[in-house]
Amino acid sequence: MPTQPDRCPRCQQPNRCAVAAGSVDQRACWCMQQPLIIPVPVDGEQACLCQACIGSAAAGTHIP
C-alpha cells in the first residue's frame, strides 16, 4: 500500500498532520510540540507517526 501523508505508517490511523491536511505553516502541527519526531520513510516517501505510536515507541511498546 502506498504511503499516505495523513496516515501513520505504523498503524494506518489518521496522524492528524496539519501539513498533510494542507496547512502551509508547519508550526501549526501538533508534532512541533513533541521533543523528538522522526518521519518514517516508506516507499520513498515520508509520513509522520500518530500520537499513539509515538507514545508507544517512547514507552518501548511494539505496534506492528
PDB file of N, CA and C in Angstrom:
ATOM      1  N   MET A   1       0.846  -1.183   0.000  1.00  0.00           N
ATOM      2  CA  MET A   1       0.000   0.000   0.000  1.00  0.00           C
ATOM      3  C   MET A   1       0.889   1.244   0.000  1.00  0.00           C
ATOM      4  N   PRO A   2       0.638   2.199  -0.891  1.00  0.00           N
ATOM      5  CA  PRO A   2       1.452   3.410  -0.922  1.00  0.00           C
ATOM      6  C   PRO A   2       1.274   4.251   0.339  1.00  0.00           C
ATOM      7  N   THR A   3       2.315   5.008   0.654  1.00  0.00           N
ATOM      8  CA  THR A   3       2.277   5.884   1.818  1.00  0.00           C
ATOM      9  C   THR A   3       1.243   6.980   1.619  1.00  0.00           C
ATOM     10  N   GLN A   4       0.471   7.233   2.656  1.00  0.00           N
ATOM     11  CA  GLN A   4      -0.460   8.349   2.650  1.00  0.00           C
ATOM     12  C   GLN A   4       0.024   9.324   3.707  1.00  0.00           C
ATOM     13  N   PRO A   5       0.313  10.572   3.361  1.00  0.00           N
ATOM     14  CA  PRO A   5       0.895  11.511   4.318  1.00  0.00           C
ATOM     15  C   PRO A   5      -0.010  11.824   5.506  1.00  0.00           C
ATOM     16  N   ASP A   6      -1.322  11.550   5.390  1.00  0.00           N
ATOM     17  CA  ASP A   6      -2.225  11.831   6.501  1.00  0.00           C
ATOM     18  C   ASP A   6      -2.494  10.603   7.366  1.00  0.00           C
ATOM     19  N   ARG A   7      -1.755   9.498   7.097  1.00  0.00           N
ATOM     20  CA  ARG A   7      -1.907   8.251   7.856  1.00  0.00           C
ATOM     21  C   ARG A   7      -0.586   7.858   8.499  1.00  0.00           C
ATOM     22  N   CYS A   8      -0.674   7.313   9.692  1.00  0.00           N
ATOM     23  CA  CYS A   8       0.509   6.813  10.389  1.00  0.00           C
ATOM     24  C   CYS A   8       1.022   5.578   9.661  1.00  0.00           C
ATOM     25  N   PRO A   9       2.318   5.532   9.322  1.00  0.00           N
ATOM     26  CA  PRO A   9       2.845   4.379   8.601  1.00  0.00           C
ATOM     27  C   PRO A   9       2.915   3.109   9.444  1.00  0.00           C
ATOM     28  N   ARG A  10       2.789   3.221  10.763  1.00  0.00           N
ATOM     29  CA  ARG A  10       2.827   2.034  11.625  1.00  0.00           C
ATOM     30  C   ARG A  10       1.455   1.410  11.808  1.00  0.00           C
ATOM     31  N   CYS A  11       0.422   2.227  12.075  1.00  0.00           N
ATOM     32  CA  CYS A  11      -0.898   1.672  12.399  1.00  0.00           C
ATOM     33  C   CYS A  11      -1.977   2.020  11.375  1.00  0.00           C
ATOM     34  N   GLN A  12      -1.644   2.882  10.419  1.00  0.00           N
ATOM     35  CA  GLN A  12      -2.556   3.302   9.355  1.00  0.00           C
ATOM     36  C   GLN A  12      -3.735   4.151   9.835  1.00  0.00           C
ATOM     37  N   GLN A  13      -3.706   4.622  11.070  1.00  0.00           N
ATOM     38  CA  GLN A  13      -4.743   5.524  11.576  1.00  0.00           C
ATOM     39  C   GLN A  13      -4.383   6.958  11.175  1.00  0.00           C
ATOM     40  N   PRO A  14      -5.352   7.879  11.173  1.00  0.00           N
ATOM     41  CA  PRO A  14      -5.025   9.278  10.858  1.00  0.00           C
ATOM     42  C   PRO A  14      -3.959   9.812  11.813  1.00  0.00           C
ATOM     43  N   ASN A  15      -2.959  10.506  11.268  1.00  0.00           N
ATOM     44  CA  ASN A  15      -1.894  11.040  12.122  1.00  0.00           C
ATOM     45  C   ASN A  15      -2.128  12.500  12.517  1.00  0.00           C
ATOM     46  N   ARG A  16      -3.224  13.086  12.028  1.00  0.00           N
ATOM     47  CA  ARG A  16      -3.612  14.464  12.351  1.00  0.00           C
ATOM     48  C   ARG A  16      -2.506  15.463  11.999  1.00  0.00           C
ATOM     49  N   CYS A  17      -1.793  15.213  10.914  1.00  0.00           N
ATOM     50  CA  CYS A  17      -0.722  16.102  10.467  1.00  0.00           C
ATOM     51  C   CYS A  17      -1.317  17.345   9.808  1.00  0.00           C
ATOM     52  N   ALA A  18      -1.025  18.504  10.347  1.00  0.00           N
ATOM     53  CA  ALA A  18      -1.557  19.756   9.798  1.00  0.00           C
ATOM     54  C   ALA A  18      -0.996  20.034   8.411  1.00  0.00           C
ATOM     55  N   VAL A  19       0.241  19.649   8.177  1.00  0.00           N
ATOM     56  CA  VAL A  19       0.863  19.874   6.876  1.00  0.00           C
ATOM     57  C   VAL A  19       0.182  18.993   5.827  1.00  0.00           C
ATOM     58  N   ALA A  20      -0.039  17.720   6.166  1.00  0.00           N
ATOM     59  CA  ALA A  20      -0.720  16.815   5.238  1.00  0.00           C
ATOM     60  C   ALA A  20      -2.153  17.277   4.973  1.00  0.00           C
ATOM     61  N   ALA A  21      -2.751  17.971   5.940  1.00  0.00           N
ATOM     62  CA  ALA A  21      -4.117  18.478   5.782  1.00  0.00           C
ATOM     63  C   ALA A  21      -4.163  19.774   4.988  1.00  0.00           C
ATOM     64  N   GLY A  22      -2.990  20.302   4.619  1.00  0.00           N
ATOM     65  CA  GLY A  22      -2.957  21.479   3.765  1.00  0.00           C
ATOM     66  C   GLY A  22      -2.449  22.755   4.406  1.00  0.00           C
ATOM     67  N   SER A  23      -2.045  22.734   5.671  1.00  0.00           N
ATOM     68  CA  SER A  23      -1.505  23.929   6.315  1.00  0.00           C
ATOM     69  C   SER A  23      -0.137  24.261   5.719  1.00  0.00           C
ATOM     70  N   VAL A  24       0.078  25.518   5.402  1.00  0.00           N
ATOM     71  CA  VAL A  24       1.384  25.928   4.886  1.00  0.00           C
ATOM     72  C   VAL A  24       2.361  26.237   6.023  1.00  0.00           C
ATOM     73  N   ASP A  25       1.846  26.349   7.232  1.00  0.00           N
ATOM     74  CA  ASP A  25       2.676  26.640   8.402  1.00  0.00           C
ATOM     75  C   ASP A  25       2.938  25.354   9.171  1.00  0.00           C
ATOM     76  N   GLN A  26       4.135  24.783   9.019  1.00  0.00           N
ATOM     77  CA  GLN A  26       4.473  23.534   9.698  1.00  0.00           C
ATOM     78  C   GLN A  26       4.385  23.664  11.208  1.00  0.00           C
ATOM     79  N   ARG A  27       4.543  24.873  11.732  1.00  0.00           N
ATOM     80  CA  ARG A  27       4.475  25.071  13.187  1.00  0.00           C
ATOM     81  C   ARG A  27       3.073  24.848  13.720  1.00  0.00           C
ATOM     82  N   ALA A  28       2.067  24.796  12.841  1.00  0.00           N
ATOM     83  CA  ALA A  28       0.686  24.589  13.262  1.00  0.00           C
ATOM     84  C   ALA A  28       0.411  23.133  13.652  1.00  0.00           C
ATOM     85  N   CYS A  29       1.290  22.242  13.298  1.00  0.00           N
ATOM     86  CA  CYS A  29       1.067  20.822  13.554  1.00  0.00           C
ATOM     87  C   CYS A  29       1.374  20.466  15.012  1.00  0.00           C
ATOM     88  N   TRP A  30       0.583  19.541  15.563  1.00  0.00           N
ATOM     89  CA  TRP A  30       0.768  19.085  16.944  1.00  0.00           C
ATOM     90  C   TRP A  30       2.166  18.512  17.162  1.00  0.00           C
ATOM     91  N   CYS A  31       2.758  17.957  16.118  1.00  0.00           N
ATOM     92  CA  CYS A  31       4.050  17.289  16.285  1.00  0.00           C
ATOM     93  C   CYS A  31       5.169  18.257  16.641  1.00  0.00           C
ATOM     94  N   MET A  32       4.975  19.535  16.336  1.00  0.00           N
ATOM     95  CA  MET A  32       6.016  20.507  16.665  1.00  0.00           C
ATOM     96  C   MET A  32       6.149  20.716  18.175  1.00  0.00           C
ATOM     97  N   GLN A  33       5.195  20.224  18.939  1.00  0.00           N
ATOM     98  CA  GLN A  33       5.256  20.310  20.400  1.00  0.00           C
ATOM     99  C   GLN A  33       5.934  19.083  21.013  1.00  0.00           C
ATOM    100  N   GLN A  34       6.280  18.111  20.169  1.00  0.00           N
ATOM    101  CA  GLN A  34       6.909  16.876  20.639  1.00  0.00           C
ATOM    102  C   GLN A  34       8.425  17.055  20.696  1.00  0.00           C
ATOM    103  N   PRO A  35       9.073  16.439  21.692  1.00  0.00           N
ATOM    104  CA  PRO A  35      10.531  16.601  21.805  1.00  0.00           C
ATOM    105  C   PRO A  35      11.310  15.943  20.683  1.00  0.00           C
ATOM    106  N   LEU A  36      10.786  14.858  20.104  1.00  0.00           N
ATOM    107  CA  LEU A  36      11.523  14.164  19.056  1.00  0.00           C
ATOM    108  C   LEU A  36      10.529  13.533  18.093  1.00  0.00           C
ATOM    109  N   ILE A  37      10.577  13.967  16.854  1.00  0.00           N
ATOM    110  CA  ILE A  37       9.731  13.393  15.808  1.00  0.00           C
ATOM    111  C   ILE A  37      10.637  12.984  14.661  1.00  0.00           C
ATOM    112  N   ILE A  38      10.509  11.742  14.259  1.00  0.00           N
ATOM    113  CA  ILE A  38      11.281  11.265  13.125  1.00  0.00           C
ATOM    114  C   ILE A  38      10.295  10.731  12.100  1.00  0.00           C
ATOM    115  N   PRO A  39      10.133  11.421  10.953  1.00  0.00           N
ATOM    116  CA  PRO A  39       9.256  10.880   9.919  1.00  0.00           C
ATOM    117  C   PRO A  39       9.774   9.526   9.449  1.00  0.00           C
ATOM    118  N   VAL A  40       8.880   8.616   9.213  1.00  0.00           N
ATOM    119  CA  VAL A  40       9.241   7.266   8.819  1.00  0.00           C
ATOM    120  C   VAL A  40       9.226   7.152   7.296  1.00  0.00           C
ATOM    121  N   PRO A  41      10.369   6.803   6.675  1.00  0.00           N
ATOM    122  CA  PRO A  41      10.371   6.635   5.223  1.00  0.00           C
ATOM    123  C   PRO A  41       9.686   5.336   4.830  1.00  0.00           C
ATOM    124  N   VAL A  42       8.725   5.421   3.918  1.00  0.00           N
ATOM    125  CA  VAL A  42       8.018   4.249   3.418  1.00  0.00           C
ATOM    126  C   VAL A  42       7.862   4.424   1.913  1.00  0.00           C
ATOM    127  N   ASP A  43       8.339   3.472   1.153  1.00  0.00           N
ATOM    128  CA  ASP A  43       8.216   3.521  -0.308  1.00  0.00           C
ATOM    129  C   ASP A  43       8.737   4.824  -0.904  1.00  0.00           C
ATOM    130  N   GLY A  44       9.834   5.343  -0.372  1.00  0.00           N
ATOM    131  CA  GLY A  44      10.435   6.551  -0.916  1.00  0.00           C
ATOM    132  C   GLY A  44       9.771   7.842  -0.483  1.00  0.00           C
ATOM    133  N   GLU A  45       8.725   7.762   0.333  1.00  0.00           N
ATOM    134  CA  GLU A  45       8.046   8.945   0.846  1.00  0.00           C
ATOM    135  C   GLU A  45       8.131   8.927   2.367  1.00  0.00           C
ATOM    136  N   GLN A  46       7.693  10.010   2.985  1.00  0.00           N
ATOM    137  CA  GLN A  46       7.712  10.066   4.437  1.00  0.00           C
ATOM    138  C   GLN A  46       6.330  10.400   4.957  1.00  0.00           C
ATOM    139  N   ALA A  47       6.011   9.852   6.123  1.00  0.00           N
ATOM    140  CA  ALA A  47       4.768  10.154   6.805  1.00  0.00           C
ATOM    141  C   ALA A  47       5.059  10.184   8.295  1.00  0.00           C
ATOM    142  N   CYS A  48       4.393  11.044   9.018  1.00  0.00           N
ATOM    143  CA  CYS A  48       4.604  11.158  10.459  1.00  0.00           C
ATOM    144  C   CYS A  48       3.814  10.097  11.207  1.00  0.00           C
ATOM    145  N   LEU A  49       4.385   9.624  12.293  1.00  0.00           N
ATOM    146  CA  LEU A  49       3.668   8.725  13.185  1.00  0.00           C
ATOM    147  C   LEU A  49       2.535   9.479  13.865  1.00  0.00           C
ATOM    148  N   CYS A  50       1.515   8.754  14.305  1.00  0.00           N
ATOM    149  CA  CYS A  50       0.428   9.367  15.066  1.00  0.00           C
ATOM    150  C   CYS A  50       0.862   9.494  16.531  1.00  0.00           C
ATOM    151  N   GLN A  51       0.082  10.196  17.326  1.00  0.00           N
ATOM    152  CA  GLN A  51       0.421  10.409  18.729  1.00  0.00           C
ATOM    153  C   GLN A  51       0.481   9.094  19.496  1.00  0.00           C
ATOM    154  N   ALA A  52      -0.414   8.145  19.198  1.00  0.00           N
ATOM    155  CA  ALA A  52      -0.420   6.861  19.901  1.00  0.00           C
ATOM    156  C   ALA A  52       0.853   6.074  19.624  1.00  0.00           C
ATOM    157  N   CYS A  53       1.297   6.046  18.380  1.00  0.00           N
ATOM    158  CA  CYS A  53       2.514   5.302  18.040  1.00  0.00           C
ATOM    159  C   CYS A  53       3.761   5.980  18.599  1.00  0.00           C
ATOM    160  N   ILE A  54       3.770   7.287  18.630  1.00  0.00           N
ATOM    161  CA  ILE A  54       4.901   7.989  19.234  1.00  0.00           C
ATOM    162  C   ILE A  54       4.974   7.655  20.718  1.00  0.00           C
ATOM    163  N   GLY A  55       3.818   7.654  21.381  1.00  0.00           N
ATOM    164  CA  GLY A  55       3.767   7.313  22.804  1.00  0.00           C
ATOM    165  C   GLY A  55       4.206   5.890  23.065  1.00  0.00           C
ATOM    166  N   SER A  56       3.776   4.952  22.205  1.00  0.00           N
ATOM    167  CA  SER A  56       4.160   3.559  22.401  1.00  0.00           C
ATOM    168  C   SER A  56       5.637   3.350  22.110  1.00  0.00           C
ATOM    169  N   ALA A  57       6.176   4.077  21.140  1.00  0.00           N
ATOM    170  CA  ALA A  57       7.604   3.967  20.837  1.00  0.00           C
ATOM    171  C   ALA A  57       8.428   4.494  22.005  1.00  0.00           C
ATOM    172  N   ALA A  58       7.981   5.588  22.599  1.00  0.00           N
ATOM    173  CA  ALA A  58       8.697   6.154  23.744  1.00  0.00           C
ATOM    174  C   ALA A  58       8.634   5.229  24.947  1.00  0.00           C
ATOM    175  N   ALA A  59       7.525   4.471  25.064  1.00  0.00           N
ATOM    176  CA  ALA A  59       7.352   3.553  26.187  1.00  0.00           C
ATOM    177  C   ALA A  59       7.959   2.176  25.903  1.00  0.00           C
ATOM    178  N   GLY A  60       8.423   1.984  24.664  1.00  0.00           N
ATOM    179  CA  GLY A  60       9.016   0.695  24.302  1.00  0.00           C
ATOM    180  C   GLY A  60       7.996  -0.358  23.922  1.00  0.00           C
ATOM    181  N   THR A  61       6.768   0.047  23.642  1.00  0.00           N
ATOM    182  CA  THR A  61       5.711  -0.876  23.255  1.00  0.00           C
ATOM    183  C   THR A  61       5.743  -1.083  21.752  1.00  0.00           C
ATOM    184  N   HIS A  62       5.603  -2.300  21.310  1.00  0.00           N
ATOM    185  CA  HIS A  62       5.631  -2.599  19.871  1.00  0.00           C
ATOM    186  C   HIS A  62       4.233  -2.502  19.276  1.00  0.00           C
ATOM    187  N   ILE A  63       4.119  -1.756  18.185  1.00  0.00           N
ATOM    188  CA  ILE A  63       2.882  -1.730  17.389  1.00  0.00           C
ATOM    189  C   ILE A  63       3.290  -2.145  15.992  1.00  0.00           C
ATOM    190  N   PRO A  64       2.661  -3.168  15.437  1.00  0.00           N
ATOM    191  CA  PRO A  64       3.055  -3.631  14.099  1.00  0.00           C
ATOM    192  C   PRO A  64       2.889  -2.574  13.053  1.00  0.00           C
TER     193      PRO A  64
END
